[in-house]
Protein backbone atom coordinates (compact mmCIF):
# COMPACT_ATOMS: atom_id res chain seq x y z
CA MET A 1 -8.42 -29.00 -16.28
CA PRO A 2 -5.87 -26.12 -16.18
CA LYS A 3 -7.16 -22.87 -14.79
CA SER A 4 -7.00 -19.65 -16.80
CA TRP A 5 -6.20 -16.14 -15.56
CA PHE A 6 -6.52 -12.73 -17.12
CA ASN A 7 -4.44 -9.59 -16.96
CA LEU A 8 -6.51 -6.47 -17.56
CA LYS A 9 -4.41 -3.38 -18.22
CA LEU A 10 -5.52 0.23 -18.27
CA ALA A 11 -3.49 3.38 -19.03
CA VAL A 12 -4.14 6.23 -16.58
CA ARG A 13 -2.54 9.43 -15.34
CA PRO A 14 -0.31 8.87 -12.28
CA GLN A 15 -2.63 10.76 -9.92
CA HIS A 16 -5.50 8.35 -10.77
CA ALA A 17 -3.51 5.10 -10.46
CA GLU A 18 -4.32 4.29 -6.83
CA GLU A 19 -8.02 5.01 -7.33
CA ILE A 20 -8.13 2.58 -10.26
CA GLU A 21 -6.11 0.04 -8.24
CA GLN A 22 -8.75 0.08 -5.51
CA TRP A 23 -11.50 -0.12 -8.14
CA PHE A 24 -9.88 -3.24 -9.64
CA PHE A 25 -9.79 -4.88 -6.20
CA ALA A 26 -13.47 -4.02 -5.72
CA GLN A 27 -14.21 -5.86 -8.99
CA GLY A 28 -12.49 -9.01 -7.75
CA ALA A 29 -8.85 -8.61 -8.78
CA ILE A 30 -6.48 -11.06 -7.09
CA ALA A 31 -3.54 -8.66 -7.34
CA VAL A 32 -2.82 -5.25 -8.88
CA THR A 33 0.47 -3.67 -9.89
CA GLN A 34 1.43 -0.49 -11.68
CA GLU A 35 3.61 -0.19 -14.76
CA THR A 36 6.02 2.71 -15.17
CA PRO A 37 6.76 4.02 -18.69
CA LYS A 38 9.99 1.97 -18.83
CA GLU A 39 9.43 -1.13 -16.70
CA LEU A 40 6.97 -2.57 -14.22
CA TYR A 41 7.89 -2.74 -10.53
CA VAL A 42 5.85 -3.79 -7.53
CA PHE A 43 8.13 -1.86 -5.17
CA GLU A 44 10.35 0.94 -6.47
CA SER A 45 12.25 3.37 -4.27
CA GLN A 46 13.39 5.74 -6.99
CA VAL A 47 11.34 8.85 -7.67
CA THR A 48 9.74 8.57 -11.10
CA ASN A 49 9.49 11.91 -12.87
CA PHE A 50 6.40 11.84 -15.08
CA ILE A 51 6.19 14.36 -17.88
CA GLU A 52 3.00 16.25 -18.69
CA GLY A 53 0.41 13.98 -20.24
CA GLN A 54 2.37 10.78 -19.61
CA LEU A 55 0.37 7.67 -18.66
CA ILE A 56 1.21 4.60 -16.61
CA GLY A 57 -0.38 1.16 -16.73
CA VAL A 58 -2.47 -0.33 -13.95
CA VAL A 59 -2.57 -4.13 -14.32
CA GLY A 60 -5.20 -6.25 -12.57
CA LEU A 61 -4.99 -10.03 -12.33
CA PHE A 62 -8.39 -11.82 -12.47
CA ASP A 63 -9.32 -15.50 -12.49
CA GLU A 64 -11.41 -17.15 -15.17
CA ASN A 65 -14.65 -16.87 -13.21
CA ILE A 66 -14.68 -13.08 -13.42
CA ASP A 67 -16.78 -11.49 -16.16
CA THR A 68 -14.01 -9.40 -17.70
CA SER A 69 -16.32 -8.21 -20.49
CA ARG A 70 -18.48 -6.50 -17.84
CA ILE A 71 -15.42 -4.85 -16.31
CA GLU A 72 -14.30 -3.67 -19.75
CA ALA A 73 -17.79 -2.27 -20.42
CA ASP A 74 -17.82 -0.48 -17.05
CA LEU A 75 -14.41 1.05 -17.77
CA ASN A 76 -15.57 2.14 -21.22
CA ALA A 77 -18.59 3.79 -19.60
CA LEU A 78 -16.21 5.62 -17.23
CA GLY A 79 -14.34 7.01 -20.24
CA PHE A 80 -11.47 4.52 -20.54
CA ASP A 81 -11.42 3.11 -24.06
CA SER A 82 -7.91 1.60 -24.21
CA VAL A 83 -8.43 -1.51 -22.08
CA GLN A 84 -6.08 -4.41 -22.85
CA LEU A 85 -6.93 -8.03 -21.95
CA GLU A 86 -4.37 -10.85 -21.83
CA SER A 87 -4.97 -14.53 -21.04
CA ILE A 88 -2.41 -16.33 -18.83
CA ASP A 89 -2.05 -20.08 -18.33
CA ASP A 90 -2.27 -21.45 -14.79
CA GLU A 91 1.32 -22.64 -14.62
CA ASN A 92 2.73 -19.33 -15.82
CA TRP A 93 0.93 -16.57 -13.93
CA GLU A 94 2.84 -16.73 -10.63
CA ARG A 95 6.17 -16.87 -12.46
CA ALA A 96 5.13 -13.84 -14.49
CA TRP A 97 4.20 -11.88 -11.38
CA LEU A 98 7.38 -12.95 -9.57
CA SER A 99 9.49 -11.58 -12.43
CA ARG A 100 7.95 -8.16 -11.79
CA PHE A 101 9.23 -7.95 -8.21
CA LYS A 102 12.56 -6.22 -7.72
CA PRO A 103 14.38 -5.75 -4.40
CA ALA A 104 13.94 -2.10 -3.46
CA CYS A 105 15.40 0.15 -0.79
CA PHE A 106 13.31 2.70 1.12
CA GLY A 107 15.45 5.21 2.96
CA ASN A 108 18.80 3.96 4.23
CA ARG A 109 18.16 0.49 5.68
CA LEU A 110 14.65 -0.71 4.85
CA TRP A 111 14.40 -3.19 1.97
CA VAL A 112 11.46 -5.05 0.43
CA VAL A 113 12.50 -8.27 -1.28
CA PRO A 114 10.49 -10.99 -3.10
CA THR A 115 10.41 -14.36 -1.37
CA GLU A 116 12.65 -16.39 -3.66
CA THR A 117 15.30 -13.74 -4.31
CA GLU A 118 18.76 -14.28 -2.80
CA PHE A 119 19.69 -11.24 -0.76
CA ASP A 120 22.42 -10.10 1.66
CA PHE A 121 20.59 -9.26 4.90
CA SER A 122 23.62 -7.77 6.71
CA ASP A 123 23.07 -4.24 8.09
CA LYS A 124 19.57 -4.06 6.57
CA ASP A 125 15.97 -4.23 7.74
CA VAL A 126 14.45 -6.66 5.24
CA ILE A 127 10.81 -7.51 4.55
CA ARG A 128 10.01 -10.56 2.44
CA ILE A 129 6.83 -10.47 0.33
CA ASP A 130 5.24 -13.49 -1.38
CA PRO A 131 4.25 -12.56 -4.98
CA GLY A 132 1.13 -14.66 -4.59
CA LEU A 133 0.08 -12.38 -1.70
CA ALA A 134 0.80 -9.05 -3.40
CA PHE A 135 -2.41 -7.39 -2.25
CA GLY A 136 -2.38 -3.62 -2.55
CA THR A 137 1.36 -3.30 -3.01
CA GLY A 138 1.52 -1.61 -6.41
CA ASP A 139 4.20 0.89 -7.31
CA HIS A 140 2.54 4.06 -6.04
CA ALA A 141 4.03 6.96 -4.18
CA THR A 142 1.92 6.57 -1.03
CA THR A 143 3.56 3.26 -0.08
CA ARG A 144 7.04 4.60 -0.81
CA LEU A 145 6.40 7.68 1.32
CA CYS A 146 5.23 5.57 4.27
CA LEU A 147 8.09 3.08 4.06
CA GLU A 148 10.68 5.85 3.81
CA GLN A 149 9.06 7.58 6.80
CA LEU A 150 9.25 4.31 8.75
CA ASP A 151 12.92 3.99 7.93
CA ASN A 152 13.55 7.46 9.37
CA ILE A 153 11.85 7.02 12.76
CA SER A 154 12.63 4.81 15.74
CA VAL A 155 9.79 2.42 16.55
CA SER A 156 11.84 0.09 18.72
CA GLY A 157 9.84 -0.82 21.83
CA LYS A 158 6.82 1.19 20.60
CA ARG A 159 3.20 0.30 19.86
CA VAL A 160 2.37 0.77 16.17
CA MET A 161 -0.90 0.57 14.23
CA ASP A 162 -1.29 0.09 10.47
CA PHE A 163 -4.88 1.17 9.75
CA GLY A 164 -5.99 -0.06 6.32
CA CYS A 165 -3.12 -2.53 6.21
CA GLY A 166 -3.57 -4.12 2.76
CA SER A 167 -0.64 -6.55 2.52
CA GLY A 168 0.44 -5.62 6.05
CA ILE A 169 3.71 -4.22 4.76
CA LEU A 170 3.83 -1.17 7.06
CA GLY A 171 3.01 -3.13 10.20
CA ILE A 172 5.48 -5.85 9.25
CA ALA A 173 8.16 -3.22 8.59
CA ALA A 174 7.53 -1.77 12.07
CA ALA A 175 7.84 -5.25 13.62
CA VAL A 176 11.06 -5.94 11.73
CA LYS A 177 12.41 -2.64 13.08
CA GLY A 178 11.71 -3.71 16.65
CA ALA A 179 8.24 -2.40 17.51
CA LYS A 180 6.93 -3.91 20.74
CA ASP A 181 3.30 -4.38 19.62
CA VAL A 182 1.92 -4.04 16.09
CA PHE A 183 -1.75 -3.91 15.08
CA CYS A 184 -2.81 -4.33 11.44
CA PHE A 185 -6.46 -3.40 10.79
CA ASP A 186 -8.48 -3.69 7.59
CA ILE A 187 -12.09 -4.27 6.59
CA ASP A 188 -11.24 -6.45 3.57
CA PRO A 189 -10.90 -10.20 4.32
CA ARG A 190 -8.34 -10.57 1.52
CA ALA A 191 -6.14 -7.94 3.16
CA LEU A 192 -6.37 -9.70 6.52
CA GLU A 193 -5.41 -13.03 4.97
CA ALA A 194 -2.48 -11.50 3.06
CA SER A 195 -1.26 -9.63 6.16
CA LYS A 196 -1.33 -12.77 8.30
CA LYS A 197 0.56 -14.83 5.72
CA ASN A 198 3.14 -12.12 5.09
CA ALA A 199 3.69 -11.76 8.84
CA GLU A 200 4.27 -15.51 9.10
CA LEU A 201 6.66 -15.33 6.17
CA ASN A 202 8.69 -12.67 8.00
CA LYS A 203 8.47 -14.49 11.35
CA VAL A 204 7.06 -11.47 13.19
CA ASN A 205 4.18 -11.24 15.63
CA VAL A 206 1.47 -8.79 14.61
CA CYS A 207 -2.19 -8.59 15.59
CA VAL A 208 -4.23 -8.73 12.37
CA SER A 209 -7.97 -8.09 12.62
CA LEU A 210 -10.96 -6.01 11.68
CA PRO A 211 -10.73 -2.51 13.20
CA LYS A 212 -11.47 -2.40 16.91
CA PRO A 213 -11.56 0.50 19.39
CA MET A 214 -8.23 1.37 20.98
CA THR A 215 -7.84 4.27 23.34
CA GLY A 216 -4.71 6.21 24.13
CA ASP A 217 -2.01 3.57 23.81
CA ILE A 218 -0.60 3.82 20.26
CA ASP A 219 2.76 5.55 19.72
CA PHE A 220 2.75 5.61 15.90
CA LEU A 221 -0.36 5.20 13.74
CA PHE A 222 -0.02 4.81 9.96
CA ALA A 223 -3.08 5.30 7.76
CA ASN A 224 -2.18 4.86 4.10
CA ILE A 225 -5.72 5.18 2.79
CA LEU A 226 -7.54 8.03 1.03
CA ALA A 227 -8.47 11.54 2.13
CA LYS A 228 -12.19 10.88 2.60
CA PRO A 229 -11.86 7.98 5.07
CA ILE A 230 -8.96 9.73 6.82
CA ILE A 231 -11.28 12.66 7.55
CA GLU A 232 -14.24 10.43 8.44
CA LEU A 233 -12.09 8.36 10.83
CA LYS A 234 -10.65 11.41 12.61
CA ASP A 235 -12.06 10.58 16.05
CA THR A 236 -11.09 6.91 15.81
CA LEU A 237 -7.50 7.66 14.81
CA ILE A 238 -6.97 10.50 17.29
CA ASN A 239 -8.45 8.51 20.18
CA ALA A 240 -6.14 5.57 19.49
CA LEU A 241 -3.03 7.72 20.02
CA ARG A 242 -1.40 8.26 23.38
CA ALA A 243 -0.50 11.81 24.43
CA ASP A 244 2.22 13.02 22.02
CA GLY A 245 1.59 10.00 19.79
CA GLN A 246 2.22 10.47 16.08
CA LEU A 247 -0.21 10.06 13.18
CA ILE A 248 1.24 9.48 9.72
CA VAL A 249 -1.35 9.68 6.94
CA SER A 250 -0.86 9.20 3.22
CA GLY A 251 -3.08 8.64 0.20
CA LEU A 252 -3.73 12.38 -0.11
CA LEU A 253 -3.52 14.46 -3.24
CA VAL A 254 -1.86 17.86 -3.03
CA ASN A 255 -5.21 19.64 -3.32
CA GLN A 256 -6.57 17.67 -0.33
CA ILE A 257 -3.95 18.76 2.21
CA ASN A 258 -5.97 21.64 3.62
CA LEU A 259 -9.10 19.50 3.95
CA VAL A 260 -7.24 17.05 6.17
CA LEU A 261 -5.38 19.72 8.14
CA ASN A 262 -8.61 21.62 8.77
CA ALA A 263 -10.22 18.46 10.15
CA TYR A 264 -7.27 17.50 12.35
CA GLY A 265 -5.95 20.96 13.20
CA PRO A 266 -7.55 21.29 16.67
CA PHE A 267 -6.07 17.95 17.78
CA VAL A 268 -2.56 17.77 16.29
CA ASN A 269 0.53 19.73 15.39
CA LEU A 270 1.96 19.21 11.90
CA LEU A 271 5.53 17.89 12.12
CA SER A 272 6.38 17.39 8.46
CA LYS A 273 4.99 17.06 4.96
CA GLN A 274 6.42 15.06 2.04
CA GLU A 275 5.24 15.04 -1.56
CA LEU A 276 5.90 12.53 -4.34
CA ASP A 277 4.28 12.30 -7.77
CA GLY A 278 1.37 14.48 -6.66
CA TRP A 279 0.73 12.43 -3.50
CA VAL A 280 1.34 13.72 0.01
CA LEU A 281 2.26 12.28 3.40
CA LEU A 282 1.51 14.25 6.57
CA ARG A 283 3.22 13.48 9.86
CA MET A 284 1.34 14.91 12.85
CA LYS A 285 1.73 14.83 16.63
CA LYS A 286 -1.21 14.64 19.02
CA LYS A 287 -1.58 17.73 21.23
């Protein structure tokens, strides 16, 4: 008997999109993307300028065994009353999600390209992503900031960690760019599975596992998570870095910058700060 799937779509302000994305995953979503006012992209390198009051769609894909009525009720209780539910036939859902992937450039050389898309690889660093493994790779500014930062730094021959790896895209990008050793850590089994499969797809060697202690041997550590865990994991992240190692954190809102800098200030020097759509990336160097 054919299997059914459901798209559940919610309109939110841009600064709340990643929080809702993570909430969808916690409710059992198989994949989540974000929908701009004009078109939906999974990866988009252009800066989207949202006007005051403008909303974007967060779309979660669920299988037929999920109680979507409960999720709708929970969202209504949280104050969201414009939840849209769409049924998708088994043979059509992957094709529908594939059509939402567009090749996108981050910086000058780094490209993210869906698996089946023909693409000229010459003079480019290219990452292939399977649409069926699109875990945590929605169109939000934090991923763009990290990928563009990766494009601008030399990781060749270096040891790189992607803490909270999701789809593994940052670690895979580092490996594609010539990193010597890459570690992708996450606490979610779905993220670990997606990272391993995406690494195989790109024919790169990365160590994918639950977080484990590492002391003083990481050159570049990316943590594209949220402000609260970034602060709580301060000792773990700082201890993993070698002397003069760099910590790149994203997932912060503008009003959370000082909270993070106050926590990390005694241990790092701030090298740079980038902002996009209300989200911030901090690049810091261990003292």
